[in-house]
């Protein structure tokens, strides 16, 4: 197993940066393909729940600029 990993490492680091980027992209795509197949449905359900909560007056909207400013501030922390 260690030998196989060493061979993969050698093959990965010897190609050009462009070829390595393409390989990395393929690996990431492969991981993405095994992600939860229901993710789109779950995000849709969450969006619907939040919208219905907003329409029922249970939560209030905030200006986008306020939301983005707060997100930027948190990223700097």
N, C-alpha and C. Protein backbone atom coordinates (compact mmCIF):
# COMPACT_ATOMS: atom_id res chain seq x y z
N UNK A 1 0.82 -1.20 0.00
CA UNK A 1 0.00 0.00 0.00
C UNK A 1 0.86 1.26 0.00
N UNK A 2 1.91 1.26 0.83
CA UNK A 2 2.79 2.42 0.89
C UNK A 2 3.46 2.64 -0.46
N UNK A 3 3.86 1.55 -1.11
CA UNK A 3 4.50 1.66 -2.42
C UNK A 3 3.56 2.29 -3.43
N UNK A 4 2.31 1.88 -3.40
CA UNK A 4 1.31 2.44 -4.32
C UNK A 4 1.15 3.94 -4.07
N UNK A 5 1.07 4.32 -2.80
CA UNK A 5 0.94 5.74 -2.47
C UNK A 5 2.15 6.53 -2.94
N UNK A 6 3.34 5.96 -2.80
CA UNK A 6 4.56 6.64 -3.26
C UNK A 6 4.55 6.80 -4.78
N UNK A 7 4.08 5.76 -5.48
CA UNK A 7 3.99 5.85 -6.94
C UNK A 7 2.99 6.93 -7.36
N UNK A 8 1.86 6.99 -6.68
CA UNK A 8 0.86 8.01 -7.00
C UNK A 8 1.44 9.39 -6.74
N UNK A 9 2.15 9.53 -5.62
CA UNK A 9 2.76 10.82 -5.29
C UNK A 9 3.77 11.23 -6.36
N UNK A 10 4.59 10.29 -6.81
CA UNK A 10 5.57 10.59 -7.85
C UNK A 10 4.89 11.02 -9.14
N UNK A 11 3.84 10.32 -9.52
CA UNK A 11 3.11 10.67 -10.73
C UNK A 11 2.42 12.02 -10.60
N UNK A 12 1.98 12.34 -9.40
CA UNK A 12 1.26 13.59 -9.19
C UNK A 12 2.20 14.79 -9.23
N UNK A 13 3.37 14.68 -8.63
CA UNK A 13 4.25 15.84 -8.52
C UNK A 13 5.19 16.04 -9.70
N UNK A 14 5.31 15.09 -10.59
CA UNK A 14 6.20 15.26 -11.74
C UNK A 14 5.55 15.96 -12.93
N UNK A 15 4.25 15.87 -13.15
CA UNK A 15 3.66 16.59 -14.29
C UNK A 15 3.74 18.11 -14.09
N UNK A 16 3.37 18.81 -15.12
CA UNK A 16 3.38 20.28 -15.06
C UNK A 16 2.31 20.76 -14.08
N UNK A 17 2.44 21.99 -13.61
CA UNK A 17 1.41 22.53 -12.71
C UNK A 17 0.01 22.46 -13.33
N UNK A 18 -0.08 22.68 -14.63
CA UNK A 18 -1.39 22.62 -15.30
C UNK A 18 -1.96 21.20 -15.24
N UNK A 19 -1.12 20.20 -15.45
CA UNK A 19 -1.58 18.81 -15.38
C UNK A 19 -1.95 18.43 -13.95
N UNK A 20 -1.18 18.92 -12.98
CA UNK A 20 -1.51 18.65 -11.58
C UNK A 20 -2.84 19.28 -11.21
N UNK A 21 -3.08 20.50 -11.70
CA UNK A 21 -4.34 21.18 -11.41
C UNK A 21 -5.51 20.39 -11.99
N UNK A 22 -5.33 19.88 -13.20
CA UNK A 22 -6.39 19.09 -13.82
C UNK A 22 -6.67 17.82 -13.02
N UNK A 23 -5.60 17.16 -12.56
CA UNK A 23 -5.77 15.95 -11.75
C UNK A 23 -6.46 16.26 -10.44
N UNK A 24 -6.05 17.35 -9.80
CA UNK A 24 -6.67 17.75 -8.55
C UNK A 24 -8.15 18.05 -8.75
N UNK A 25 -8.45 18.74 -9.84
CA UNK A 25 -9.84 19.05 -10.16
C UNK A 25 -10.64 17.76 -10.31
N UNK A 26 -10.08 16.77 -10.99
CA UNK A 26 -10.77 15.49 -11.17
C UNK A 26 -11.02 14.79 -9.84
N UNK A 27 -10.03 14.86 -8.94
CA UNK A 27 -10.19 14.23 -7.63
C UNK A 27 -11.31 14.92 -6.85
N UNK A 28 -11.32 16.24 -6.87
CA UNK A 28 -12.37 16.99 -6.16
C UNK A 28 -13.74 16.68 -6.76
N UNK A 29 -13.82 16.63 -8.09
CA UNK A 29 -15.09 16.29 -8.73
C UNK A 29 -15.57 14.91 -8.29
N UNK A 30 -14.63 13.98 -8.14
CA UNK A 30 -14.99 12.64 -7.71
C UNK A 30 -15.57 12.66 -6.30
N UNK A 31 -14.94 13.44 -5.41
CA UNK A 31 -15.48 13.55 -4.05
C UNK A 31 -16.86 14.19 -4.07
N UNK A 32 -17.02 15.21 -4.91
CA UNK A 32 -18.32 15.87 -5.00
C UNK A 32 -19.40 14.92 -5.48
N UNK A 33 -19.04 13.99 -6.35
CA UNK A 33 -20.04 13.08 -6.89
C UNK A 33 -20.55 12.09 -5.85
N UNK A 34 -19.77 11.86 -4.80
CA UNK A 34 -20.23 10.94 -3.76
C UNK A 34 -20.90 11.68 -2.61
N UNK A 35 -21.04 12.99 -2.73
CA UNK A 35 -21.73 13.77 -1.70
C UNK A 35 -23.18 13.33 -1.63
N UNK A 36 -23.82 13.74 -0.59
CA UNK A 36 -25.22 13.39 -0.37
C UNK A 36 -26.05 13.70 -1.61
N UNK A 37 -26.64 12.67 -2.19
CA UNK A 37 -27.44 12.84 -3.40
C UNK A 37 -28.69 13.68 -3.14
N UNK A 38 -29.05 13.80 -1.90
CA UNK A 38 -30.26 14.53 -1.55
C UNK A 38 -30.00 15.99 -1.22
N UNK A 39 -28.77 16.46 -1.40
CA UNK A 39 -28.40 17.80 -0.95
C UNK A 39 -29.26 18.89 -1.59
N UNK A 40 -29.53 18.78 -2.89
CA UNK A 40 -30.37 19.78 -3.55
C UNK A 40 -31.77 19.80 -2.96
N UNK A 41 -32.32 18.64 -2.72
CA UNK A 41 -33.66 18.56 -2.14
C UNK A 41 -33.66 19.14 -0.73
N UNK A 42 -32.63 18.83 0.06
CA UNK A 42 -32.57 19.34 1.42
C UNK A 42 -32.43 20.86 1.45
N UNK A 43 -31.60 21.43 0.54
CA UNK A 43 -31.47 22.89 0.48
C UNK A 43 -32.78 23.54 0.04
N UNK A 44 -33.48 22.91 -0.89
CA UNK A 44 -34.76 23.44 -1.34
C UNK A 44 -35.77 23.46 -0.18
N UNK A 45 -35.81 22.36 0.57
CA UNK A 45 -36.72 22.30 1.71
C UNK A 45 -36.38 23.37 2.75
N UNK A 46 -35.08 23.58 3.00
CA UNK A 46 -34.66 24.60 3.96
C UNK A 46 -35.05 25.99 3.48
N UNK A 47 -34.85 26.26 2.19
CA UNK A 47 -35.23 27.56 1.63
C UNK A 47 -36.73 27.78 1.76
N UNK A 48 -37.51 26.76 1.48
CA UNK A 48 -38.97 26.87 1.61
C UNK A 48 -39.37 27.14 3.05
N UNK A 49 -38.74 26.44 3.99
CA UNK A 49 -39.05 26.62 5.41
C UNK A 49 -38.74 28.06 5.83
N UNK A 50 -37.58 28.56 5.42
CA UNK A 50 -37.21 29.93 5.79
C UNK A 50 -38.15 30.95 5.16
N UNK A 51 -38.53 30.72 3.91
CA UNK A 51 -39.45 31.64 3.23
C UNK A 51 -40.81 31.65 3.93
N UNK A 52 -41.31 30.48 4.27
CA UNK A 52 -42.61 30.40 4.96
C UNK A 52 -42.54 31.07 6.32
N UNK A 53 -41.43 30.91 7.02
CA UNK A 53 -41.25 31.57 8.32
C UNK A 53 -41.26 33.08 8.14
N UNK A 54 -40.59 33.55 7.10
CA UNK A 54 -40.56 35.00 6.80
C UNK A 54 -41.96 35.49 6.45
N UNK A 55 -42.66 34.78 5.58
CA UNK A 55 -44.00 35.20 5.15
C UNK A 55 -45.00 35.19 6.31
N UNK A 56 -44.78 34.32 7.30
CA UNK A 56 -45.67 34.25 8.46
C UNK A 56 -45.35 35.36 9.46
N UNK A 57 -44.32 36.15 9.18
CA UNK A 57 -43.97 37.25 10.07
C UNK A 57 -43.18 36.83 11.30
N UNK A 58 -42.68 35.60 11.30
CA UNK A 58 -41.93 35.10 12.44
C UNK A 58 -40.50 35.61 12.46
N UNK A 59 -40.00 36.02 11.31
CA UNK A 59 -38.66 36.62 11.22
C UNK A 59 -38.75 37.83 10.31
N UNK A 60 -37.80 38.73 10.46
CA UNK A 60 -37.77 39.92 9.63
C UNK A 60 -36.55 39.88 8.72
N UNK A 61 -36.69 40.50 7.58
CA UNK A 61 -35.58 40.56 6.63
C UNK A 61 -34.57 41.61 7.09
N UNK A 62 -33.33 41.42 6.67
CA UNK A 62 -32.27 42.38 6.94
C UNK A 62 -31.75 42.87 5.60
N UNK A 63 -31.29 44.11 5.54
CA UNK A 63 -30.71 44.60 4.29
C UNK A 63 -29.49 43.76 3.90
N UNK A 64 -29.34 43.50 2.62
CA UNK A 64 -28.22 42.68 2.13
C UNK A 64 -26.89 43.26 2.57
N UNK A 65 -26.75 44.58 2.50
CA UNK A 65 -25.47 45.19 2.87
C UNK A 65 -25.09 44.86 4.32
N UNK A 66 -26.09 44.86 5.20
CA UNK A 66 -25.84 44.52 6.61
C UNK A 66 -25.37 43.07 6.74
N UNK A 67 -26.00 42.20 6.00
CA UNK A 67 -25.63 40.78 6.04
C UNK A 67 -24.21 40.59 5.53
N UNK A 68 -23.89 41.21 4.40
CA UNK A 68 -22.55 41.06 3.82
C UNK A 68 -21.48 41.68 4.71
N UNK A 69 -21.78 42.83 5.30
CA UNK A 69 -20.83 43.47 6.21
C UNK A 69 -20.53 42.57 7.40
N UNK A 70 -21.57 41.96 7.95
CA UNK A 70 -21.39 41.07 9.10
C UNK A 70 -20.58 39.84 8.69
N UNK A 71 -20.85 39.30 7.51
CA UNK A 71 -20.11 38.13 7.03
C UNK A 71 -18.63 38.47 6.84
N UNK A 72 -18.34 39.62 6.25
CA UNK A 72 -16.95 40.04 6.08
C UNK A 72 -16.25 40.22 7.42
N UNK A 73 -16.98 40.81 8.37
CA UNK A 73 -16.40 41.01 9.70
C UNK A 73 -16.06 39.66 10.33
N UNK A 74 -16.96 38.68 10.21
CA UNK A 74 -16.72 37.35 10.79
C UNK A 74 -15.54 36.66 10.12
N UNK A 75 -15.39 36.83 8.83
CA UNK A 75 -14.27 36.21 8.13
C UNK A 75 -12.93 36.77 8.57
N UNK A 76 -12.92 38.01 9.01
CA UNK A 76 -11.68 38.63 9.48
C UNK A 76 -11.31 38.20 10.89
N UNK A 77 -12.26 37.66 11.63
CA UNK A 77 -12.02 37.27 13.04
C UNK A 77 -11.19 36.01 13.12
